[in-house]
Amino acid sequence: MKSLASIGEAAKALGVSITTLRRWEASGRLVPEHT
């Protein structure tokens, strides 16, 4: 089973802000798995 991370945990792990992750998602640079 895959371990899922919250957006905050993912942002911290990547060293970026939550806003940046959301911007990446909107531009198609990042494809999150919604549950």
N, C-alpha and C. Protein backbone atom coordinates (compact mmCIF):
# COMPACT_ATOMS: atom_id res chain seq x y z
N MET A 1 0.84 -1.19 0.00
CA MET A 1 0.00 0.00 0.00
C MET A 1 0.88 1.24 0.00
N LYS A 2 0.50 2.23 -0.81
CA LYS A 2 1.27 3.47 -0.88
C LYS A 2 0.95 4.34 0.33
N SER A 3 1.94 5.04 0.78
CA SER A 3 1.75 5.99 1.86
C SER A 3 1.45 7.35 1.24
N LEU A 4 0.35 7.96 1.65
CA LEU A 4 -0.03 9.26 1.10
C LEU A 4 0.37 10.37 2.06
N ALA A 5 0.73 11.50 1.52
CA ALA A 5 1.14 12.64 2.32
C ALA A 5 0.15 13.78 2.11
N SER A 6 -0.01 14.60 3.13
CA SER A 6 -0.86 15.78 2.99
C SER A 6 -0.10 16.80 2.15
N ILE A 7 -0.82 17.81 1.69
CA ILE A 7 -0.16 18.84 0.87
C ILE A 7 0.91 19.56 1.68
N GLY A 8 0.67 19.75 2.96
CA GLY A 8 1.66 20.40 3.82
C GLY A 8 2.92 19.57 3.98
N GLU A 9 2.75 18.26 4.15
CA GLU A 9 3.90 17.37 4.27
C GLU A 9 4.69 17.32 2.97
N ALA A 10 3.98 17.29 1.85
CA ALA A 10 4.65 17.25 0.55
C ALA A 10 5.42 18.54 0.30
N ALA A 11 4.81 19.67 0.65
CA ALA A 11 5.49 20.96 0.47
C ALA A 11 6.75 21.03 1.31
N LYS A 12 6.66 20.58 2.55
CA LYS A 12 7.82 20.60 3.44
C LYS A 12 8.93 19.70 2.91
N ALA A 13 8.56 18.52 2.44
CA ALA A 13 9.54 17.57 1.92
C ALA A 13 10.25 18.12 0.68
N LEU A 14 9.52 18.87 -0.15
CA LEU A 14 10.10 19.43 -1.37
C LEU A 14 10.75 20.79 -1.15
N GLY A 15 10.52 21.36 0.02
CA GLY A 15 11.12 22.66 0.33
C GLY A 15 10.45 23.82 -0.38
N VAL A 16 9.16 23.68 -0.66
CA VAL A 16 8.40 24.75 -1.32
C VAL A 16 7.13 25.03 -0.50
N SER A 17 6.42 26.07 -0.89
CA SER A 17 5.19 26.41 -0.17
C SER A 17 4.01 25.62 -0.75
N ILE A 18 2.93 25.58 0.03
CA ILE A 18 1.70 24.92 -0.42
C ILE A 18 1.18 25.62 -1.68
N THR A 19 1.30 26.93 -1.71
CA THR A 19 0.86 27.71 -2.88
C THR A 19 1.61 27.27 -4.13
N THR A 20 2.91 27.03 -3.99
CA THR A 20 3.72 26.58 -5.13
C THR A 20 3.23 25.22 -5.62
N LEU A 21 2.94 24.30 -4.70
CA LEU A 21 2.43 22.98 -5.12
C LEU A 21 1.10 23.12 -5.86
N ARG A 22 0.24 23.99 -5.37
CA ARG A 22 -1.05 24.19 -6.05
C ARG A 22 -0.86 24.81 -7.42
N ARG A 23 0.11 25.73 -7.55
CA ARG A 23 0.41 26.34 -8.84
C ARG A 23 0.97 25.28 -9.80
N TRP A 24 1.86 24.42 -9.30
CA TRP A 24 2.41 23.35 -10.13
C TRP A 24 1.30 22.41 -10.60
N GLU A 25 0.34 22.12 -9.73
CA GLU A 25 -0.78 21.26 -10.12
C GLU A 25 -1.60 21.92 -11.23
N ALA A 26 -1.88 23.20 -11.09
CA ALA A 26 -2.68 23.92 -12.09
C ALA A 26 -1.98 23.97 -13.45
N SER A 27 -0.66 24.04 -13.44
CA SER A 27 0.09 24.12 -14.70
C SER A 27 0.38 22.75 -15.30
N GLY A 28 0.10 21.68 -14.56
CA GLY A 28 0.35 20.34 -15.06
C GLY A 28 1.73 19.81 -14.74
N ARG A 29 2.54 20.60 -14.03
CA ARG A 29 3.90 20.19 -13.67
C ARG A 29 3.89 19.07 -12.62
N LEU A 30 2.83 19.04 -11.81
CA LEU A 30 2.70 18.06 -10.75
C LEU A 30 1.32 17.42 -10.87
N VAL A 31 1.26 16.10 -10.81
CA VAL A 31 -0.02 15.42 -10.92
C VAL A 31 -0.28 14.68 -9.60
N PRO A 32 -1.09 15.28 -8.73
CA PRO A 32 -1.37 14.64 -7.45
C PRO A 32 -2.40 13.54 -7.58
N GLU A 33 -2.42 12.65 -6.63
CA GLU A 33 -3.43 11.60 -6.59
C GLU A 33 -4.45 12.00 -5.53
N HIS A 34 -5.64 12.36 -5.97
CA HIS A 34 -6.69 12.76 -5.04
C HIS A 34 -7.38 11.53 -4.49
N THR A 35 -7.66 11.57 -3.20
CA THR A 35 -8.35 10.42 -2.58
C THR A 35 -9.72 10.83 -2.08
